[in-house]
Protein backbone atom coordinates (compact mmCIF):
# COMPACT_ATOMS: atom_id res chain seq x y z
CA UNK A 1 -51.24 8.19 -117.80
CA UNK A 2 -51.30 4.60 -118.87
CA UNK A 3 -48.68 5.21 -121.56
CA UNK A 4 -46.54 7.16 -119.08
CA UNK A 5 -46.69 4.35 -116.51
CA UNK A 6 -45.76 1.83 -119.17
CA UNK A 7 -42.79 3.94 -120.27
CA UNK A 8 -41.66 4.30 -116.66
CA UNK A 9 -41.91 0.56 -116.14
CA UNK A 10 -39.98 -0.10 -119.34
CA UNK A 11 -37.28 2.33 -118.21
CA UNK A 12 -37.00 0.64 -114.81
CA UNK A 13 -36.78 -2.78 -116.45
CA UNK A 14 -34.11 -1.47 -118.80
CA UNK A 15 -32.08 -0.06 -115.91
CA UNK A 16 -32.45 -3.34 -114.03
CA UNK A 17 -31.22 -5.28 -117.06
CA UNK A 18 -28.28 -2.91 -117.57
CA UNK A 19 -27.31 -3.28 -113.91
CA UNK A 20 -27.48 -7.07 -114.22
CA UNK A 21 -25.31 -7.03 -117.36
CA UNK A 22 -22.83 -4.72 -115.68
CA UNK A 23 -22.50 -7.12 -112.73
CA UNK A 24 -22.03 -10.06 -115.08
CA UNK A 25 -19.42 -8.12 -117.03
CA UNK A 26 -17.52 -7.28 -113.85
CA UNK A 27 -17.64 -10.93 -112.80
CA UNK A 28 -16.33 -12.03 -116.20
CA UNK A 29 -13.54 -9.46 -116.04
CA UNK A 30 -12.53 -10.75 -112.61
CA UNK A 31 -12.54 -14.32 -113.91
CA UNK A 32 -10.40 -13.35 -116.90
CA UNK A 33 -7.95 -11.49 -114.65
CA UNK A 34 -7.76 -14.52 -112.34
CA UNK A 35 -7.09 -16.85 -115.26
CA UNK A 36 -4.39 -14.53 -116.60
CA UNK A 37 -2.74 -14.47 -113.18
CA UNK A 38 -2.84 -18.27 -112.93
CA UNK A 39 -1.37 -18.57 -116.44
CA UNK A 40 1.43 -16.19 -115.53
CA UNK A 41 2.18 -18.21 -112.39
CA UNK A 42 2.18 -21.47 -114.35
CA UNK A 43 4.60 -20.01 -116.89
CA UNK A 44 6.89 -18.94 -114.06
CA UNK A 45 6.76 -22.44 -112.54
CA UNK A 46 7.62 -24.03 -115.88
CA UNK A 47 10.74 -21.91 -116.39
CA UNK A 48 12.07 -21.51 -112.84
CA UNK A 49 13.79 -23.79 -110.36
CA UNK A 50 11.58 -24.48 -107.34
CA UNK A 51 14.35 -24.29 -104.73
CA UNK A 52 16.36 -21.27 -105.85
CA UNK A 53 13.86 -19.33 -107.95
CA UNK A 54 16.46 -19.01 -110.72
CA UNK A 55 15.68 -20.04 -114.29
CA UNK A 56 15.80 -23.80 -114.76
CA UNK A 57 17.73 -25.99 -117.19
CA UNK A 58 14.93 -26.08 -119.74
CA UNK A 59 14.64 -22.31 -119.91
CA UNK A 60 18.43 -22.01 -120.04
CA UNK A 61 18.53 -24.05 -123.24
CA UNK A 62 15.83 -21.90 -124.79
CA UNK A 63 17.61 -18.68 -123.80
CA UNK A 64 20.95 -19.98 -125.09
CA UNK A 65 19.35 -20.74 -128.45
CA UNK A 66 17.96 -17.19 -128.59
CA UNK A 67 21.36 -15.67 -127.79
CA UNK A 68 23.01 -17.67 -130.58
CA UNK A 69 20.40 -16.42 -133.03
CA UNK A 70 20.81 -12.84 -131.78
CA UNK A 71 24.58 -12.99 -132.27
CA UNK A 72 23.97 -14.21 -135.81
CA UNK A 73 21.86 -11.09 -136.46
CA UNK A 74 23.89 -8.49 -134.58
CA UNK A 75 27.44 -9.94 -134.51
CA UNK A 76 27.58 -9.05 -130.80
CA UNK A 77 29.51 -11.60 -128.75
CA UNK A 78 27.96 -13.23 -125.71
CA UNK A 79 29.48 -15.43 -123.05
CA UNK A 80 28.41 -18.46 -121.09
CA UNK A 81 29.68 -18.93 -117.54
CA UNK A 82 29.40 -22.23 -115.68
CA UNK A 83 29.64 -21.96 -111.89
CA UNK A 84 30.10 -24.87 -109.51
CA UNK A 85 30.03 -24.45 -105.73
CA UNK A 86 33.24 -25.85 -104.28
CA UNK A 87 33.24 -28.86 -101.93
CA UNK A 88 29.45 -28.88 -101.83
CA UNK A 89 29.30 -32.56 -100.87
CA UNK A 90 31.20 -31.76 -97.69
CA UNK A 91 28.63 -29.05 -96.89
CA UNK A 92 25.86 -31.66 -97.03
CA UNK A 93 27.95 -34.22 -95.15
CA UNK A 94 29.12 -31.88 -92.38
CA UNK A 95 26.15 -29.56 -92.02
CA UNK A 96 23.23 -31.56 -93.37
CA UNK A 97 21.06 -31.23 -96.44
CA UNK A 98 18.98 -28.42 -94.96
CA UNK A 99 22.07 -26.23 -94.73
CA UNK A 100 23.01 -27.44 -98.20
CA UNK A 101 19.69 -26.17 -99.53
CA UNK A 102 20.21 -22.90 -97.69
CA UNK A 103 23.62 -22.61 -99.34
CA UNK A 104 22.04 -23.01 -102.77
CA UNK A 105 19.42 -20.37 -101.97
CA UNK A 106 22.13 -18.13 -100.55
CA UNK A 107 24.08 -18.32 -103.78
CA UNK A 108 20.93 -17.70 -105.84
CA UNK A 109 20.10 -14.58 -103.80
CA UNK A 110 23.70 -13.42 -104.07
CA UNK A 111 23.99 -13.89 -107.84
CA UNK A 112 20.81 -11.89 -108.45
CA UNK A 113 22.40 -8.86 -106.80
CA UNK A 114 25.80 -9.34 -108.44
CA UNK A 115 24.78 -9.31 -112.10
CA UNK A 116 23.36 -6.81 -114.56
CA UNK A 117 19.62 -6.68 -115.32
CA UNK A 118 20.21 -8.12 -118.81
CA UNK A 119 22.17 -11.15 -117.53
CA UNK A 120 20.39 -14.45 -117.09
CA UNK A 121 21.21 -16.73 -114.11
CA UNK A 122 20.09 -20.37 -114.17
CA UNK A 123 20.38 -23.42 -111.99
CA UNK A 124 21.90 -25.94 -114.35
CA UNK A 125 21.60 -28.86 -111.95
CA UNK A 126 22.66 -29.79 -108.42
CA UNK A 127 25.19 -27.24 -107.21
CA UNK A 128 26.05 -26.14 -110.75
CA UNK A 129 24.78 -22.88 -112.19
CA UNK A 130 24.92 -21.19 -115.58
CA UNK A 131 25.09 -17.49 -116.32
CA UNK A 132 24.40 -15.99 -119.74
CA UNK A 133 26.06 -12.63 -120.40
CA UNK A 134 24.51 -11.08 -123.53
CA UNK A 135 26.48 -8.62 -125.66
CA UNK A 136 29.61 -9.20 -123.58
CA UNK A 137 33.15 -9.98 -124.72
CA UNK A 138 35.31 -12.72 -123.28
CA UNK A 139 37.62 -10.26 -121.53
CA UNK A 140 34.85 -8.40 -119.77
CA UNK A 141 33.13 -11.69 -118.87
CA UNK A 142 36.33 -12.89 -117.21
CA UNK A 143 36.43 -9.74 -115.11
CA UNK A 144 32.74 -10.07 -114.19
CA UNK A 145 33.25 -13.70 -113.17
CA UNK A 146 36.35 -12.83 -111.15
CA UNK A 147 34.61 -10.07 -109.23
CA UNK A 148 31.61 -12.32 -108.54
CA UNK A 149 34.01 -14.99 -107.27
CA UNK A 150 35.69 -12.58 -104.87
CA UNK A 151 32.41 -11.09 -103.65
CA UNK A 152 30.94 -14.55 -103.04
CA UNK A 153 33.91 -15.58 -100.91
CA UNK A 154 33.40 -12.41 -98.87
CA UNK A 155 29.67 -13.07 -98.36
CA UNK A 156 29.43 -16.04 -95.96
CA UNK A 157 26.20 -17.82 -95.11
CA UNK A 158 25.14 -17.39 -91.45
CA UNK A 159 24.83 -20.84 -89.86
CA UNK A 160 23.79 -21.23 -86.23
CA UNK A 161 26.21 -19.08 -84.24
CA UNK A 162 28.82 -18.97 -86.98
CA UNK A 163 29.13 -18.63 -90.71
CA UNK A 164 29.89 -20.80 -93.71
CA UNK A 165 32.24 -19.45 -96.35
CA UNK A 166 31.11 -20.50 -99.82
CA UNK A 167 33.45 -20.43 -102.80
CA UNK A 168 32.91 -21.38 -106.41
CA UNK A 169 34.80 -22.29 -109.56
CA UNK A 170 34.03 -20.59 -112.87
CA UNK A 171 34.38 -21.69 -116.50
CA UNK A 172 33.79 -19.16 -119.27
CA UNK A 173 33.22 -19.76 -122.98
CA UNK A 174 32.45 -17.18 -125.64
CA UNK A 175 30.22 -17.26 -128.71
CA UNK A 176 31.11 -15.04 -131.64
CA UNK A 177 29.39 -14.66 -135.00
CA UNK A 178 32.23 -16.49 -136.76
CA UNK A 179 33.15 -19.11 -134.15
CA UNK A 180 31.11 -21.89 -135.76
CA UNK A 181 30.22 -23.52 -132.43
CA UNK A 182 26.99 -25.39 -131.92
CA UNK A 183 24.98 -24.92 -128.75
CA UNK A 184 26.27 -28.19 -127.30
CA UNK A 185 29.86 -27.35 -128.22
CA UNK A 186 29.60 -23.99 -126.47
CA UNK A 187 28.27 -25.75 -123.34
CA UNK A 188 31.05 -28.34 -123.55
CA UNK A 189 33.68 -25.60 -123.76
CA UNK A 190 32.34 -23.81 -120.69
CA UNK A 191 32.17 -27.14 -118.88
CA UNK A 192 35.75 -27.92 -119.84
CA UNK A 193 36.94 -24.59 -118.44
CA UNK A 194 34.97 -25.20 -115.26
CA UNK A 195 36.67 -28.56 -114.72
CA UNK A 196 40.03 -26.95 -115.43
CA UNK A 197 39.33 -24.41 -112.68
CA UNK A 198 38.40 -27.18 -110.26
CA UNK A 199 41.42 -29.32 -111.18
CA UNK A 200 43.73 -26.35 -110.66
CA UNK A 201 42.59 -25.88 -107.08
CA UNK A 202 39.04 -24.48 -107.23
CA UNK A 203 37.86 -20.97 -106.31
CA UNK A 204 39.14 -19.50 -109.57
CA UNK A 205 38.08 -18.48 -113.08
CA UNK A 206 39.22 -20.22 -116.25
CA UNK A 207 38.32 -18.96 -119.72
CA UNK A 208 38.32 -20.44 -123.18
CA UNK A 209 41.28 -19.62 -125.42
CA UNK A 210 39.87 -17.38 -128.14
CA UNK A 211 42.40 -14.95 -129.57
CA UNK A 212 40.71 -12.14 -131.44
CA UNK A 213 41.31 -8.42 -131.34
CA UNK A 214 37.83 -7.89 -129.93
CA UNK A 215 38.72 -9.99 -126.89
CA UNK A 216 42.19 -8.53 -126.39
CA UNK A 217 41.01 -5.09 -125.32
CA UNK A 218 38.52 -3.70 -122.85
CA UNK A 219 36.66 -0.63 -124.10
CA UNK A 220 36.00 2.48 -122.04
CA UNK A 221 32.29 1.66 -122.00
CA UNK A 222 33.01 -1.79 -120.61
CA UNK A 223 35.21 -0.27 -117.89
CA UNK A 224 32.42 2.11 -116.94
CA UNK A 225 29.96 -0.78 -116.86
CA UNK A 226 32.12 -2.75 -114.46
CA UNK A 227 32.68 0.24 -112.24
CA UNK A 228 28.96 0.95 -112.06
CA UNK A 229 28.08 -2.71 -111.51
CA UNK A 230 30.55 -3.51 -108.77
CA UNK A 231 31.12 0.03 -107.41
CA UNK A 232 34.86 -0.14 -107.79
CA UNK A 233 37.05 2.95 -108.17
CA UNK A 234 39.03 3.62 -111.31
CA UNK A 235 42.39 2.80 -109.77
CA UNK A 236 41.24 -0.70 -108.84
CA UNK A 237 39.87 -1.18 -112.34
CA UNK A 238 43.28 -0.31 -113.80
CA UNK A 239 44.99 -2.77 -111.48
CA UNK A 240 42.66 -5.57 -112.51
CA UNK A 241 42.98 -5.06 -116.32
């Protein structure tokens, strides 16, 4: 009986110890999960703009570098679009900075719904935004930018009892495997096209002048992509070629 009682006590102690270890393990797992969540949130804060929630300038530069490297490996063109909200100073002056901030958020929310999942929207600074279009030719990028421009103009921001029509100017540059542009030169080219659009009256799209056979035609796949993205019928697509 004495041996049996001792074995029973040992078993109870063992069960107690296992239960304690299981509780500690659960606690450690919860701590690890919490730390992973905090790390993920910190990473998001580092790469996103606090006001708009879009990627920030720092992350934009990193992503642009990756796209240049990817084009070097795959020879697939990509395009950079600079977008500047028109007359934004007058929005702040006439409506106040709170409405100005709402206009920036409005555009950020709009652009998220207007692009493809693979596209990367960033707040470049102030009222200027950048959009990376991976594996996209200059011609198709021009059409994407043009349709975004039109849709933005038709999506006013509700303000008090009225609405505020927001327009934007677009500058598009293209990176090809044989273009020889540096990252800064590609940015400068998009910026130059943006200023050309603004100098020519704003609310329009200007593109870089790259004459290659790849950019001169729009493939059937690209037409289908645009139709699916913007829900346009085929007749409109033919009119806009």
